[in-house]
Protein backbone atom coordinates (compact mmCIF):
# COMPACT_ATOMS: atom_id res chain seq x y z
CA UNK A 1 -78.62 13.32 -11.22
CA UNK A 2 -76.95 16.51 -11.03
CA UNK A 3 -78.71 20.28 -11.01
CA UNK A 4 -79.32 22.38 -13.93
CA UNK A 5 -78.85 25.55 -12.25
CA UNK A 6 -75.91 26.62 -9.82
CA UNK A 7 -76.84 27.69 -6.23
CA UNK A 8 -74.95 29.64 -3.71
CA UNK A 9 -75.65 27.03 -1.03
CA UNK A 10 -73.73 24.45 -3.07
CA UNK A 11 -70.42 26.28 -3.42
CA UNK A 12 -67.19 24.97 -1.88
CA UNK A 13 -64.21 27.12 -1.49
CA UNK A 14 -60.84 25.47 -1.15
CA UNK A 15 -57.80 27.08 -0.38
CA UNK A 16 -53.86 26.06 -0.07
CA UNK A 17 -50.72 27.86 0.38
CA UNK A 18 -48.29 27.77 -2.46
CA UNK A 19 -44.79 26.55 -2.43
CA UNK A 20 -44.06 28.77 -5.16
CA UNK A 21 -45.82 32.13 -6.82
CA UNK A 22 -48.55 30.83 -9.36
CA UNK A 23 -48.11 27.31 -8.62
CA UNK A 24 -51.01 24.99 -7.88
CA UNK A 25 -50.49 22.65 -4.97
CA UNK A 26 -51.57 19.05 -6.14
CA UNK A 27 -53.35 18.41 -2.68
CA UNK A 28 -53.13 19.71 0.93
CA UNK A 29 -56.08 22.00 0.36
CA UNK A 30 -58.51 23.32 3.24
CA UNK A 31 -62.32 23.82 2.92
CA UNK A 32 -63.09 27.38 4.21
CA UNK A 33 -66.55 28.38 5.14
CA UNK A 34 -67.54 32.02 3.46
CA UNK A 35 -70.73 34.38 3.21
CA UNK A 36 -70.41 35.66 -0.53
CA UNK A 37 -67.49 36.06 -3.15
CA UNK A 38 -66.57 38.09 -6.04
CA UNK A 39 -63.18 36.49 -6.77
CA UNK A 40 -63.21 36.02 -10.84
CA UNK A 41 -61.15 36.78 -13.99
CA UNK A 42 -62.19 39.05 -16.36
CA UNK A 43 -60.96 39.97 -19.75
CA UNK A 44 -62.49 43.13 -20.84
CA UNK A 45 -62.95 44.44 -24.63
CA UNK A 46 -60.95 47.32 -25.90
CA UNK A 47 -61.76 49.17 -29.05
CA UNK A 48 -59.54 51.43 -31.29
CA UNK A 49 -61.53 52.57 -34.73
CA UNK A 50 -59.84 53.14 -37.79
CA UNK A 51 -60.86 54.91 -40.66
CA UNK A 52 -61.61 53.89 -44.33
CA UNK A 53 -63.20 50.94 -43.15
CA UNK A 54 -67.03 52.04 -43.66
CA UNK A 55 -69.67 53.10 -40.94
CA UNK A 56 -70.08 49.67 -39.22
CA UNK A 57 -67.98 48.77 -36.16
CA UNK A 58 -64.82 46.76 -36.33
CA UNK A 59 -63.82 43.85 -34.17
CA UNK A 60 -62.52 44.73 -30.51
CA UNK A 61 -59.36 43.57 -28.94
CA UNK A 62 -58.90 41.66 -25.55
CA UNK A 63 -57.33 43.54 -22.57
CA UNK A 64 -55.11 41.91 -20.13
CA UNK A 65 -56.50 39.60 -17.37
CA UNK A 66 -57.70 41.16 -14.25
CA UNK A 67 -58.29 38.42 -11.43
CA UNK A 68 -59.50 40.16 -8.25
CA UNK A 69 -62.33 40.10 -5.75
CA UNK A 70 -63.55 39.91 -2.40
CA UNK A 71 -64.52 37.12 -0.14
CA UNK A 72 -67.03 37.76 3.07
CA UNK A 73 -66.17 35.34 5.95
CA UNK A 74 -67.08 34.79 9.17
CA UNK A 75 -64.83 35.87 12.11
CA UNK A 76 -64.56 32.24 13.67
CA UNK A 77 -62.13 30.81 16.54
CA UNK A 78 -60.38 28.30 13.87
CA UNK A 79 -60.46 28.98 10.15
CA UNK A 80 -59.92 32.62 10.59
CA UNK A 81 -56.02 31.86 11.54
CA UNK A 82 -55.80 30.67 7.78
CA UNK A 83 -56.70 33.80 6.59
CA UNK A 84 -54.73 35.79 9.16
CA UNK A 85 -51.51 33.93 7.59
CA UNK A 86 -52.28 35.01 4.07
CA UNK A 87 -52.56 38.53 5.28
CA UNK A 88 -49.84 38.61 7.67
CA UNK A 89 -47.54 35.77 7.15
CA UNK A 90 -46.97 32.81 9.27
CA UNK A 91 -47.55 33.39 12.82
CA UNK A 92 -45.44 32.68 16.17
CA UNK A 93 -47.59 30.08 18.03
CA UNK A 94 -47.25 29.00 21.70
CA UNK A 95 -49.17 26.73 24.01
CA UNK A 96 -50.34 23.25 24.10
CA UNK A 97 -53.61 21.09 23.55
CA UNK A 98 -54.04 21.48 27.35
CA UNK A 99 -53.94 25.36 27.74
CA UNK A 100 -54.78 26.13 24.14
CA UNK A 101 -52.62 27.73 21.54
CA UNK A 102 -52.03 31.42 20.86
CA UNK A 103 -51.08 32.56 17.75
CA UNK A 104 -49.73 36.17 17.00
CA UNK A 105 -49.59 37.63 13.72
CA UNK A 106 -47.47 41.09 12.98
CA UNK A 107 -47.87 43.40 10.15
CA UNK A 108 -44.52 43.92 7.99
CA UNK A 109 -43.69 40.63 6.71
CA UNK A 110 -43.66 39.00 3.59
CA UNK A 111 -46.69 37.39 2.48
CA UNK A 112 -47.26 33.69 1.16
CA UNK A 113 -49.48 33.25 -1.91
CA UNK A 114 -52.48 30.96 -2.08
CA UNK A 115 -54.17 28.62 -4.50
CA UNK A 116 -58.13 29.13 -4.05
CA UNK A 117 -60.67 27.03 -5.86
CA UNK A 118 -64.24 27.92 -5.92
CA UNK A 119 -66.29 24.98 -6.79
CA UNK A 120 -69.85 23.97 -8.04
CA UNK A 121 -69.91 20.36 -7.61
CA UNK A 122 -73.52 19.47 -7.53
CA UNK A 123 -74.25 20.66 -11.39
CA UNK A 124 -74.60 18.12 -13.98
CA UNK A 125 -71.37 19.14 -15.13
CA UNK A 126 -69.61 20.39 -12.37
CA UNK A 127 -67.64 23.45 -12.56
CA UNK A 128 -64.45 24.58 -10.55
CA UNK A 129 -62.66 27.80 -11.02
CA UNK A 130 -58.77 27.70 -9.86
CA UNK A 131 -57.16 30.90 -9.08
CA UNK A 132 -53.35 30.57 -8.62
CA UNK A 133 -50.93 33.27 -7.14
CA UNK A 134 -53.46 34.65 -5.00
CA UNK A 135 -52.24 37.18 -2.35
CA UNK A 136 -54.76 38.68 0.33
CA UNK A 137 -55.07 42.56 0.26
CA UNK A 138 -57.33 43.93 2.81
CA UNK A 139 -59.00 42.75 5.91
CA UNK A 140 -62.17 45.23 6.87
CA UNK A 141 -65.01 44.41 9.72
CA UNK A 142 -67.56 46.54 11.65
CA UNK A 143 -68.36 46.59 15.27
CA UNK A 144 -71.84 46.64 16.50
CA UNK A 145 -73.73 45.59 19.69
CA UNK A 146 -75.28 42.83 18.05
CA UNK A 147 -75.33 40.33 14.96
CA UNK A 148 -72.79 38.09 13.87
CA UNK A 149 -69.17 38.97 13.40
CA UNK A 150 -67.93 39.07 9.82
CA UNK A 151 -65.11 40.28 7.71
CA UNK A 152 -64.23 41.04 4.04
CA UNK A 153 -61.05 39.78 2.66
CA UNK A 154 -60.03 41.73 -0.59
CA UNK A 155 -57.97 39.08 -3.08
CA UNK A 156 -55.59 39.70 -6.15
CA UNK A 157 -54.70 36.61 -8.05
CA UNK A 158 -52.61 35.76 -11.10
CA UNK A 159 -55.54 34.08 -13.15
CA UNK A 160 -58.13 31.66 -13.43
CA UNK A 161 -58.54 28.11 -14.98
CA UNK A 162 -61.95 26.40 -15.49
CA UNK A 163 -62.23 22.57 -14.78
CA UNK A 164 -64.88 19.76 -14.55
CA UNK A 165 -63.21 18.18 -11.29
CA UNK A 166 -62.09 19.29 -8.08
CA UNK A 167 -58.22 19.88 -7.60
CA UNK A 168 -58.67 18.00 -3.75
CA UNK A 169 -61.47 15.69 -3.16
CA UNK A 170 -60.54 14.90 0.39
CA UNK A 171 -59.62 18.51 1.72
CA UNK A 172 -59.07 19.44 5.58
CA UNK A 173 -61.69 21.35 7.36
CA UNK A 174 -62.01 23.24 10.72
CA UNK A 175 -64.91 22.66 13.01
CA UNK A 176 -66.91 25.95 12.64
CA UNK A 177 -67.15 28.02 16.15
CA UNK A 178 -68.14 31.88 15.52
CA UNK A 179 -67.41 35.15 17.46
CA UNK A 180 -70.20 37.23 17.52
CA UNK A 181 -70.68 40.90 18.22
CA UNK A 182 -72.22 40.91 21.38
CA UNK A 183 -68.72 39.66 22.72
CA UNK A 184 -66.93 42.58 21.15
CA UNK A 185 -64.61 45.05 22.84
CA UNK A 186 -62.85 48.40 21.88
CA UNK A 187 -60.25 49.44 24.06
CA UNK A 188 -58.05 52.61 24.49
CA UNK A 189 -55.02 52.94 26.76
CA UNK A 190 -55.83 49.44 28.13
CA UNK A 191 -59.26 50.48 29.38
CA UNK A 192 -62.67 49.88 27.97
CA UNK A 193 -63.86 53.38 25.95
CA UNK A 194 -67.24 54.21 27.35
CA UNK A 195 -70.45 54.78 25.30
CA UNK A 196 -69.17 52.77 22.54
CA UNK A 197 -72.21 52.35 19.63
CA UNK A 198 -70.09 51.14 16.73
CA UNK A 199 -66.68 50.91 15.09
CA UNK A 200 -64.82 49.80 12.15
CA UNK A 201 -61.33 48.43 11.32
CA UNK A 202 -59.66 48.28 8.03
CA UNK A 203 -56.08 46.85 7.35
CA UNK A 204 -54.38 46.91 4.03
CA UNK A 205 -51.09 45.32 2.68
CA UNK A 206 -51.40 47.71 -0.35
CA UNK A 207 -50.59 45.07 -3.03
CA UNK A 208 -48.83 46.36 -6.34
CA UNK A 209 -49.55 44.09 -9.47
CA UNK A 210 -46.31 43.40 -11.40
CA UNK A 211 -48.02 44.22 -14.79
CA UNK A 212 -45.31 43.08 -17.16
CA UNK A 213 -46.09 42.54 -20.86
CA UNK A 214 -46.71 38.74 -21.42
CA UNK A 215 -48.60 36.86 -24.22
CA UNK A 216 -51.10 35.27 -21.69
CA UNK A 217 -52.10 38.63 -20.29
CA UNK A 218 -51.52 37.66 -16.87
CA UNK A 219 -49.27 39.61 -14.43
CA UNK A 220 -45.98 38.42 -13.15
CA UNK A 221 -46.57 38.66 -9.27
CA UNK A 222 -48.24 41.05 -6.42
CA UNK A 223 -45.74 42.88 -4.34
CA UNK A 224 -46.46 44.05 -0.85
CA UNK A 225 -46.11 47.85 -0.20
CA UNK A 226 -46.71 49.79 2.98
CA UNK A 227 -48.98 48.18 5.36
CA UNK A 228 -51.92 50.58 6.72
CA UNK A 229 -54.49 50.65 9.36
CA UNK A 230 -57.33 53.14 9.73
CA UNK A 231 -60.96 52.91 11.19
CA UNK A 232 -63.45 54.83 13.26
CA UNK A 233 -65.34 54.53 16.67
CA UNK A 234 -68.72 55.81 17.68
CA UNK A 235 -69.64 56.80 20.79
CA UNK A 236 -72.35 58.62 22.53
CA UNK A 237 -71.08 62.30 23.59
CA UNK A 238 -70.76 62.70 27.08
CA UNK A 239 -68.56 62.96 30.10
CA UNK A 240 -65.57 60.31 28.77
CA UNK A 241 -62.59 62.52 27.70
CA UNK A 242 -60.45 59.67 26.85
CA UNK A 243 -60.30 60.71 23.02
CA UNK A 244 -60.94 64.13 23.15
CA UNK A 245 -57.79 64.45 25.37
CA UNK A 246 -55.98 62.85 22.89
CA UNK A 247 -57.20 64.98 20.09
CA UNK A 248 -56.59 68.14 22.05
CA UNK A 249 -52.83 67.22 22.82
CA UNK A 250 -52.59 65.60 19.35
CA UNK A 251 -50.90 62.49 20.84
CA UNK A 252 -51.26 58.92 19.77
CA UNK A 253 -53.23 56.19 21.93
CA UNK A 254 -53.27 52.54 22.11
CA UNK A 255 -56.30 50.96 20.88
CA UNK A 256 -57.59 47.45 20.84
CA UNK A 257 -60.53 45.78 18.99
CA UNK A 258 -61.27 42.24 20.15
CA UNK A 259 -63.90 39.41 20.64
CA UNK A 260 -64.02 36.55 23.08
CA UNK A 261 -66.53 33.74 23.79
CA UNK A 262 -67.80 33.60 27.12
CA UNK A 263 -66.89 30.53 29.22
CA UNK A 264 -63.79 29.59 27.03
CA UNK A 265 -60.23 30.64 26.35
CA UNK A 266 -61.37 31.56 22.75
CA UNK A 267 -60.04 35.14 21.66
CA UNK A 268 -59.44 37.21 18.90
CA UNK A 269 -57.38 40.92 19.58
CA UNK A 270 -56.38 43.23 17.00
CA UNK A 271 -53.72 45.66 18.89
CA UNK A 272 -52.60 49.00 17.53
CA UNK A 273 -49.88 50.38 19.66
CA UNK A 274 -49.67 53.76 17.97
CA UNK A 275 -53.22 55.75 16.68
CA UNK A 276 -53.91 59.18 15.67
CA UNK A 277 -57.28 60.64 15.84
CA UNK A 278 -58.06 64.13 13.76
CA UNK A 279 -60.05 66.65 15.57
CA UNK A 280 -63.78 67.02 13.95
CA UNK A 281 -66.67 69.24 14.76
CA UNK A 282 -69.49 68.13 16.74
CA UNK A 283 -72.74 67.99 15.35
CA UNK A 284 -76.08 68.03 17.29
CA UNK A 285 -79.02 66.55 14.95
CA UNK A 286 -82.20 67.29 16.91
CA UNK A 287 -83.01 66.55 20.64
CA UNK A 288 -82.02 62.91 20.96
CA UNK A 289 -78.75 61.68 22.14
CA UNK A 290 -75.69 63.08 20.44
CA UNK A 291 -73.32 60.49 18.95
CA UNK A 292 -69.87 61.55 17.68
CA UNK A 293 -67.80 59.46 15.30
CA UNK A 294 -63.98 59.74 15.77
CA UNK A 295 -61.76 58.41 12.42
CA UNK A 296 -58.45 57.25 13.49
CA UNK A 297 -55.10 56.10 11.52
CA UNK A 298 -52.41 53.58 13.01
CA UNK A 299 -48.81 54.25 12.41
CA UNK A 300 -45.79 51.79 13.05
CA UNK A 301 -44.61 51.79 17.05
CA UNK A 302 -41.02 51.85 17.27
CA UNK A 303 -41.09 50.37 20.85
CA UNK A 304 -43.45 47.25 19.65
CA UNK A 305 -42.11 47.22 16.59
CA UNK A 306 -45.28 46.82 14.60
CA UNK A 307 -48.34 48.75 13.31
CA UNK A 308 -50.61 46.01 13.62
CA UNK A 309 -50.61 42.57 15.90
CA UNK A 310 -53.69 40.17 15.91
CA UNK A 311 -53.62 37.24 18.24
CA UNK A 312 -55.83 34.17 17.93
CA UNK A 313 -56.28 32.00 20.84
CA UNK A 314 -57.86 28.68 20.13
CA UNK A 315 -57.45 24.85 19.86
CA UNK A 316 -55.60 24.45 16.42
CA UNK A 317 -51.94 23.51 17.17
CA UNK A 318 -50.60 25.51 13.91
CA UNK A 319 -51.30 27.15 10.39
């Protein structure tokens, strides 16, 4: 007998790339791990009062559909490649089963659209919410000394349909193997940045909704505009002048955020070849150690031809 109340522990997220925008694939879905999800369609009420109808409120009207939200995901060794394909486009993959596969994703490419299904299969009356025409807008994550490595993906979809059966009863899946914060590094100019206590990285495709007039209230599509990347690094202030020298000369630096799994070839690297740092005042807050936070913003490097390159090394042949 099914449950009468829904629980997050029972939720299932399926995803597949679409052959055409807004066209749900009939099969070929992959089951993906996630931490939380706020993706869902909204159709808010509008109100425009008229005179001559008395003091009581009149009927509202329905606004256009808005289907957006965030998905919290683990930074893992295998399934992350699926999300990266949605954020950057198809990767360039090299390697083999013996040496491992290297998947290289670069910013600036056209993006594929996805179909997503969020399912509550264990309810007495199962509910499945299908989202067609989904594109991935943003990726953001924090770096710390300890803890699990997680990220947030922002999604913009065309619309949502509720059904009582799943779109794919036999989806594919990836064996879960996660990166941890304890194996993370931040490098500047090819060398390990000293005294780092934290950091952030955010990448955005700056998606633009194509909001045409339609009877169903849906958008016509989602177009990618300028790709941007920004973030920060928090360090204990001391004798290291790697960042302060770059700020003083107003020159860009090469920066790299990365994770590894000790004893294996699995690795994840975010490479930013041209990063600018603004000058900020140094603050002293008491007798303890002095910590400085340096914001940064990336730009496209003419030599490498990209703003951000993500390299994922694992045992998956392709995405």
